[in-house]
Structure formats: structure tokens, C-alpha cells
Amino acid sequence: SDQPEGWDQQLDNELVFQFSRGRA
């Protein structure tokens, strides 16, 4: 497939997190 050319524009390094609370 085509090689991606724009990865120099990707998001910066960052530690990330997410908490979730659900009910069914």
C-alpha cells in the first residue's frame, strides 16, 4: 500500500489516561 508521508506531523509524546464507569 501507499507509504504514509505525514507522520512528522503526528501528536507529541504524552502520557494519557481514562477512567470509565458504566451500567447495563
PDB file of all heavy atoms in Angstrom:
ATOM      1  N   SER A   1       0.838  -1.205   0.000  1.00  0.00           N
ATOM      2  CA  SER A   1       0.000   0.000   0.000  1.00  0.00           C
ATOM      3  C   SER A   1       0.873   1.256   0.000  1.00  0.00           C
ATOM      4  O   SER A   1       2.089   1.194   0.214  1.00  0.00           O
ATOM      5  CB  SER A   1      -0.907   0.014   1.230  1.00  0.00           C
ATOM      6  OG  SER A   1      -1.850  -1.023   1.181  1.00  0.00           O
ATOM      7  N   ASP A   2       0.239   2.415  -0.231  1.00  0.00           N
ATOM      8  CA  ASP A   2       0.955   3.691  -0.189  1.00  0.00           C
ATOM      9  C   ASP A   2       1.613   3.883   1.172  1.00  0.00           C
ATOM     10  O   ASP A   2       1.019   3.582   2.215  1.00  0.00           O
ATOM     11  CB  ASP A   2      -0.013   4.848  -0.439  1.00  0.00           C
ATOM     12  CG  ASP A   2      -0.551   4.859  -1.863  1.00  0.00           C
ATOM     13  OD1 ASP A   2       0.144   4.333  -2.755  1.00  0.00           O
ATOM     14  OD2 ASP A   2      -1.662   5.375  -2.066  1.00  0.00           O
ATOM     15  N   GLN A   3       2.838   4.398   1.155  1.00  0.00           N
ATOM     16  CA  GLN A   3       3.517   4.701   2.407  1.00  0.00           C
ATOM     17  C   GLN A   3       2.980   6.013   2.981  1.00  0.00           C
ATOM     18  O   GLN A   3       2.819   6.993   2.258  1.00  0.00           O
ATOM     19  CB  GLN A   3       5.025   4.805   2.185  1.00  0.00           C
ATOM     20  CG  GLN A   3       5.724   3.461   2.061  1.00  0.00           C
ATOM     21  CD  GLN A   3       5.690   2.675   3.367  1.00  0.00           C
ATOM     22  OE1 GLN A   3       6.108   3.137   4.424  1.00  0.00           O
ATOM     23  NE2 GLN A   3       5.146   1.453   3.294  1.00  0.00           N
ATOM     24  N   PRO A   4       2.678   6.051   4.271  1.00  0.00           N
ATOM     25  CA  PRO A   4       2.221   7.303   4.888  1.00  0.00           C
ATOM     26  C   PRO A   4       3.351   8.313   4.966  1.00  0.00           C
ATOM     27  O   PRO A   4       4.445   7.989   5.426  1.00  0.00           O
ATOM     28  CB  PRO A   4       1.765   6.860   6.286  1.00  0.00           C
ATOM     29  CG  PRO A   4       2.562   5.628   6.564  1.00  0.00           C
ATOM     30  CD  PRO A   4       2.758   4.946   5.248  1.00  0.00           C
ATOM     31  N   GLU A   5       3.091   9.533   4.528  1.00  0.00           N
ATOM     32  CA  GLU A   5       4.147  10.536   4.411  1.00  0.00           C
ATOM     33  C   GLU A   5       4.094  11.613   5.491  1.00  0.00           C
ATOM     34  O   GLU A   5       4.985  12.445   5.572  1.00  0.00           O
ATOM     35  CB  GLU A   5       4.054  11.220   3.033  1.00  0.00           C
ATOM     36  CG  GLU A   5       4.175  10.266   1.845  1.00  0.00           C
ATOM     37  CD  GLU A   5       5.553   9.626   1.754  1.00  0.00           C
ATOM     38  OE1 GLU A   5       6.506  10.176   2.335  1.00  0.00           O
ATOM     39  OE2 GLU A   5       5.667   8.566   1.108  1.00  0.00           O
ATOM     40  N   GLY A   6       3.062  11.602   6.331  1.00  0.00           N
ATOM     41  CA  GLY A   6       2.877  12.735   7.227  1.00  0.00           C
ATOM     42  C   GLY A   6       3.110  12.470   8.697  1.00  0.00           C
ATOM     43  O   GLY A   6       2.670  13.270   9.547  1.00  0.00           O
ATOM     44  N   TRP A   7       3.821  11.394   9.042  1.00  0.00           N
ATOM     45  CA  TRP A   7       3.992  11.084  10.455  1.00  0.00           C
ATOM     46  C   TRP A   7       4.846  12.107  11.201  1.00  0.00           C
ATOM     47  O   TRP A   7       4.814  12.156  12.442  1.00  0.00           O
ATOM     48  CB  TRP A   7       4.574   9.688  10.629  1.00  0.00           C
ATOM     49  CG  TRP A   7       3.514   8.617  10.600  1.00  0.00           C
ATOM     50  CD1 TRP A   7       3.224   7.773   9.575  1.00  0.00           C
ATOM     51  CD2 TRP A   7       2.579   8.309  11.644  1.00  0.00           C
ATOM     52  NE1 TRP A   7       2.175   6.947   9.903  1.00  0.00           N
ATOM     53  CE2 TRP A   7       1.763   7.257  11.178  1.00  0.00           C
ATOM     54  CE3 TRP A   7       2.352   8.806  12.917  1.00  0.00           C
ATOM     55  CZ2 TRP A   7       0.740   6.703  11.938  1.00  0.00           C
ATOM     56  CZ3 TRP A   7       1.330   8.257  13.686  1.00  0.00           C
ATOM     57  CH2 TRP A   7       0.541   7.219  13.198  1.00  0.00           C
ATOM     58  N   ASP A   8       5.595  12.949  10.483  1.00  0.00           N
ATOM     59  CA  ASP A   8       6.321  14.031  11.152  1.00  0.00           C
ATOM     60  C   ASP A   8       5.361  15.040  11.780  1.00  0.00           C
ATOM     61  O   ASP A   8       5.767  15.851  12.625  1.00  0.00           O
ATOM     62  CB  ASP A   8       7.241  14.758  10.166  1.00  0.00           C
ATOM     63  CG  ASP A   8       8.452  13.920   9.790  1.00  0.00           C
ATOM     64  OD1 ASP A   8       8.736  12.938  10.507  1.00  0.00           O
ATOM     65  OD2 ASP A   8       9.111  14.239   8.781  1.00  0.00           O
ATOM     66  N   GLN A   9       4.092  14.991  11.374  1.00  0.00           N
ATOM     67  CA  GLN A   9       3.085  15.923  11.892  1.00  0.00           C
ATOM     68  C   GLN A   9       2.249  15.296  13.015  1.00  0.00           C
ATOM     69  O   GLN A   9       1.251  15.876  13.431  1.00  0.00           O
ATOM     70  CB  GLN A   9       2.138  16.347  10.746  1.00  0.00           C
ATOM     71  CG  GLN A   9       2.834  16.804   9.481  1.00  0.00           C
ATOM     72  CD  GLN A   9       3.650  18.055   9.701  1.00  0.00           C
ATOM     73  OE1 GLN A   9       3.246  18.943  10.437  1.00  0.00           O
ATOM     74  NE2 GLN A   9       4.820  18.113   9.059  1.00  0.00           N
ATOM     75  N   GLN A  10       2.641  14.109  13.491  1.00  0.00           N
ATOM     76  CA  GLN A  10       1.808  13.423  14.486  1.00  0.00           C
ATOM     77  C   GLN A  10       1.798  14.150  15.824  1.00  0.00           C
ATOM     78  O   GLN A  10       2.595  15.060  16.074  1.00  0.00           O
ATOM     79  CB  GLN A  10       2.294  11.991  14.688  1.00  0.00           C
ATOM     80  CG  GLN A  10       3.627  11.855  15.409  1.00  0.00           C
ATOM     81  CD  GLN A  10       3.980  10.413  15.705  1.00  0.00           C
ATOM     82  OE1 GLN A  10       3.225   9.697  16.353  1.00  0.00           O
ATOM     83  NE2 GLN A  10       5.138   9.968  15.209  1.00  0.00           N
ATOM     84  N   LEU A  11       0.887  13.737  16.708  1.00  0.00           N
ATOM     85  CA  LEU A  11       0.811  14.306  18.048  1.00  0.00           C
ATOM     86  C   LEU A  11       2.129  14.104  18.783  1.00  0.00           C
ATOM     87  O   LEU A  11       2.887  13.175  18.496  1.00  0.00           O
ATOM     88  CB  LEU A  11      -0.321  13.647  18.847  1.00  0.00           C
ATOM     89  CG  LEU A  11      -1.737  13.726  18.271  1.00  0.00           C
ATOM     90  CD1 LEU A  11      -2.738  13.186  19.283  1.00  0.00           C
ATOM     91  CD2 LEU A  11      -2.098  15.134  17.844  1.00  0.00           C
ATOM     92  N   ASP A  12       2.406  14.988  19.744  1.00  0.00           N
ATOM     93  CA  ASP A  12       3.611  14.878  20.560  1.00  0.00           C
ATOM     94  C   ASP A  12       3.470  13.736  21.567  1.00  0.00           C
ATOM     95  O   ASP A  12       2.359  13.293  21.894  1.00  0.00           O
ATOM     96  CB  ASP A  12       3.853  16.177  21.323  1.00  0.00           C
ATOM     97  CG  ASP A  12       4.082  17.366  20.399  1.00  0.00           C
ATOM     98  OD1 ASP A  12       4.604  17.143  19.284  1.00  0.00           O
ATOM     99  OD2 ASP A  12       3.731  18.497  20.793  1.00  0.00           O
ATOM    100  N   ASN A  13       4.602  13.276  22.088  1.00  0.00           N
ATOM    101  CA  ASN A  13       4.577  12.277  23.161  1.00  0.00           C
ATOM    102  C   ASN A  13       3.817  12.820  24.369  1.00  0.00           C
ATOM    103  O   ASN A  13       4.040  13.951  24.810  1.00  0.00           O
ATOM    104  CB  ASN A  13       6.005  11.915  23.595  1.00  0.00           C
ATOM    105  CG  ASN A  13       6.710  11.052  22.570  1.00  0.00           C
ATOM    106  OD1 ASN A  13       6.103  10.192  21.936  1.00  0.00           O
ATOM    107  ND2 ASN A  13       8.016  11.265  22.412  1.00  0.00           N
ATOM    108  N   GLU A  14       2.933  11.997  24.899  1.00  0.00           N
ATOM    109  CA  GLU A  14       2.150  12.399  26.073  1.00  0.00           C
ATOM    110  C   GLU A  14       1.625  11.158  26.772  1.00  0.00           C
ATOM    111  O   GLU A  14       1.073  10.253  26.129  1.00  0.00           O
ATOM    112  CB  GLU A  14       0.974  13.292  25.665  1.00  0.00           C
ATOM    113  CG  GLU A  14       0.132  13.783  26.834  1.00  0.00           C
ATOM    114  CD  GLU A  14      -1.028  14.668  26.382  1.00  0.00           C
ATOM    115  OE1 GLU A  14      -0.871  15.434  25.412  1.00  0.00           O
ATOM    116  OE2 GLU A  14      -2.106  14.589  27.018  1.00  0.00           O
ATOM    117  N   LEU A  15       1.795  11.099  28.089  1.00  0.00           N
ATOM    118  CA  LEU A  15       1.155  10.056  28.882  1.00  0.00           C
ATOM    119  C   LEU A  15      -0.330  10.373  28.989  1.00  0.00           C
ATOM    120  O   LEU A  15      -0.704  11.522  29.268  1.00  0.00           O
ATOM    121  CB  LEU A  15       1.782   9.981  30.264  1.00  0.00           C
ATOM    122  CG  LEU A  15       3.270   9.596  30.318  1.00  0.00           C
ATOM    123  CD1 LEU A  15       3.782   9.698  31.753  1.00  0.00           C
ATOM    124  CD2 LEU A  15       3.479   8.187  29.784  1.00  0.00           C
ATOM    125  N   VAL A  16      -1.176   9.382  28.788  1.00  0.00           N
ATOM    126  CA  VAL A  16      -2.623   9.616  28.763  1.00  0.00           C
ATOM    127  C   VAL A  16      -3.329   8.595  29.652  1.00  0.00           C
ATOM    128  O   VAL A  16      -2.773   7.539  29.975  1.00  0.00           O
ATOM    129  CB  VAL A  16      -3.173   9.532  27.322  1.00  0.00           C
ATOM    130  CG1 VAL A  16      -2.629  10.680  26.479  1.00  0.00           C
ATOM    131  CG2 VAL A  16      -2.836   8.193  26.673  1.00  0.00           C
ATOM    132  N   PHE A  17      -4.574   8.919  30.015  1.00  0.00           N
ATOM    133  CA  PHE A  17      -5.345   8.036  30.890  1.00  0.00           C
ATOM    134  C   PHE A  17      -6.831   8.209  30.625  1.00  0.00           C
ATOM    135  O   PHE A  17      -7.271   9.192  30.003  1.00  0.00           O
ATOM    136  CB  PHE A  17      -5.052   8.338  32.363  1.00  0.00           C
ATOM    137  CG  PHE A  17      -5.682   9.632  32.848  1.00  0.00           C
ATOM    138  CD1 PHE A  17      -6.916   9.641  33.482  1.00  0.00           C
ATOM    139  CD2 PHE A  17      -5.034  10.855  32.635  1.00  0.00           C
ATOM    140  CE1 PHE A  17      -7.496  10.833  33.912  1.00  0.00           C
ATOM    141  CE2 PHE A  17      -5.608  12.051  33.062  1.00  0.00           C
ATOM    142  CZ  PHE A  17      -6.841  12.029  33.699  1.00  0.00           C
ATOM    143  N   GLN A  18      -7.600   7.248  31.137  1.00  0.00           N
ATOM    144  CA  GLN A  18      -9.059   7.356  31.074  1.00  0.00           C
ATOM    145  C   GLN A  18      -9.682   6.439  32.128  1.00  0.00           C
ATOM    146  O   GLN A  18      -9.276   5.282  32.277  1.00  0.00           O
ATOM    147  CB  GLN A  18      -9.574   6.952  29.694  1.00  0.00           C
ATOM    148  CG  GLN A  18     -11.093   7.037  29.549  1.00  0.00           C
ATOM    149  CD  GLN A  18     -11.523   6.743  28.128  1.00  0.00           C
ATOM    150  OE1 GLN A  18     -11.409   7.597  27.252  1.00  0.00           O
ATOM    151  NE2 GLN A  18     -11.984   5.530  27.880  1.00  0.00           N
ATOM    152  N   PHE A  19     -10.653   6.971  32.883  1.00  0.00           N
ATOM    153  CA  PHE A  19     -11.460   6.195  33.817  1.00  0.00           C
ATOM    154  C   PHE A  19     -12.867   6.078  33.246  1.00  0.00           C
ATOM    155  O   PHE A  19     -13.399   7.042  32.678  1.00  0.00           O
ATOM    156  CB  PHE A  19     -11.527   6.876  35.194  1.00  0.00           C
ATOM    157  CG  PHE A  19     -10.198   6.990  35.886  1.00  0.00           C
ATOM    158  CD1 PHE A  19      -9.616   8.233  36.099  1.00  0.00           C
ATOM    159  CD2 PHE A  19      -9.538   5.858  36.337  1.00  0.00           C
ATOM    160  CE1 PHE A  19      -8.398   8.343  36.741  1.00  0.00           C
ATOM    161  CE2 PHE A  19      -8.308   5.957  36.978  1.00  0.00           C
ATOM    162  CZ  PHE A  19      -7.744   7.199  37.183  1.00  0.00           C
ATOM    163  N   SER A  20     -13.483   4.897  33.420  1.00  0.00           N
ATOM    164  CA  SER A  20     -14.843   4.677  32.915  1.00  0.00           C
ATOM    165  C   SER A  20     -15.677   3.979  33.979  1.00  0.00           C
ATOM    166  O   SER A  20     -15.194   3.099  34.696  1.00  0.00           O
ATOM    167  CB  SER A  20     -14.821   3.817  31.648  1.00  0.00           C
ATOM    168  OG  SER A  20     -14.069   4.416  30.625  1.00  0.00           O
ATOM    169  N   ARG A  21     -16.938   4.392  34.044  1.00  0.00           N
ATOM    170  CA  ARG A  21     -17.913   3.749  34.949  1.00  0.00           C
ATOM    171  C   ARG A  21     -19.218   3.557  34.173  1.00  0.00           C
ATOM    172  O   ARG A  21     -19.787   4.519  33.644  1.00  0.00           O
ATOM    173  CB  ARG A  21     -18.146   4.625  36.182  1.00  0.00           C
ATOM    174  CG  ARG A  21     -19.215   4.091  37.142  1.00  0.00           C
ATOM    175  CD  ARG A  21     -18.762   2.801  37.812  1.00  0.00           C
ATOM    176  NE  ARG A  21     -19.656   2.439  38.908  1.00  0.00           N
ATOM    177  CZ  ARG A  21     -20.728   1.652  38.768  1.00  0.00           C
ATOM    178  NH1 ARG A  21     -21.044   1.179  37.572  1.00  0.00           N
ATOM    179  NH2 ARG A  21     -21.475   1.351  39.813  1.00  0.00           N
ATOM    180  N   GLY A  22     -19.658   2.310  34.069  1.00  0.00           N
ATOM    181  CA  GLY A  22     -20.839   2.027  33.274  1.00  0.00           C
ATOM    182  C   GLY A  22     -21.792   1.073  33.967  1.00  0.00           C
ATOM    183  O   GLY A  22     -21.444   0.399  34.947  1.00  0.00           O
ATOM    184  N   ARG A  23     -23.011   0.996  33.434  1.00  0.00           N
ATOM    185  CA  ARG A  23     -24.024   0.064  33.945  1.00  0.00           C
ATOM    186  C   ARG A  23     -24.878  -0.413  32.779  1.00  0.00           C
ATOM    187  O   ARG A  23     -25.166   0.349  31.851  1.00  0.00           O
ATOM    188  CB  ARG A  23     -24.893   0.718  35.018  1.00  0.00           C
ATOM    189  CG  ARG A  23     -26.083  -0.140  35.459  1.00  0.00           C
ATOM    190  CD  ARG A  23     -26.782   0.417  36.683  1.00  0.00           C
ATOM    191  NE  ARG A  23     -26.014   0.132  37.903  1.00  0.00           N
ATOM    192  CZ  ARG A  23     -26.491   0.297  39.140  1.00  0.00           C
ATOM    193  NH1 ARG A  23     -27.729   0.776  39.317  1.00  0.00           N
ATOM    194  NH2 ARG A  23     -25.747   0.022  40.194  1.00  0.00           N
ATOM    195  N   ALA A  24     -25.272  -1.695  32.842  1.00  0.00           N
ATOM    196  CA  ALA A  24     -26.176  -2.276  31.853  1.00  0.00           C
ATOM    197  C   ALA A  24     -27.380  -2.869  32.572  1.00  0.00           C
ATOM    198  O   ALA A  24     -27.257  -3.424  33.674  1.00  0.00           O
ATOM    199  CB  ALA A  24     -25.467  -3.351  31.028  1.00  0.00           C
TER     200      ALA A  24
END
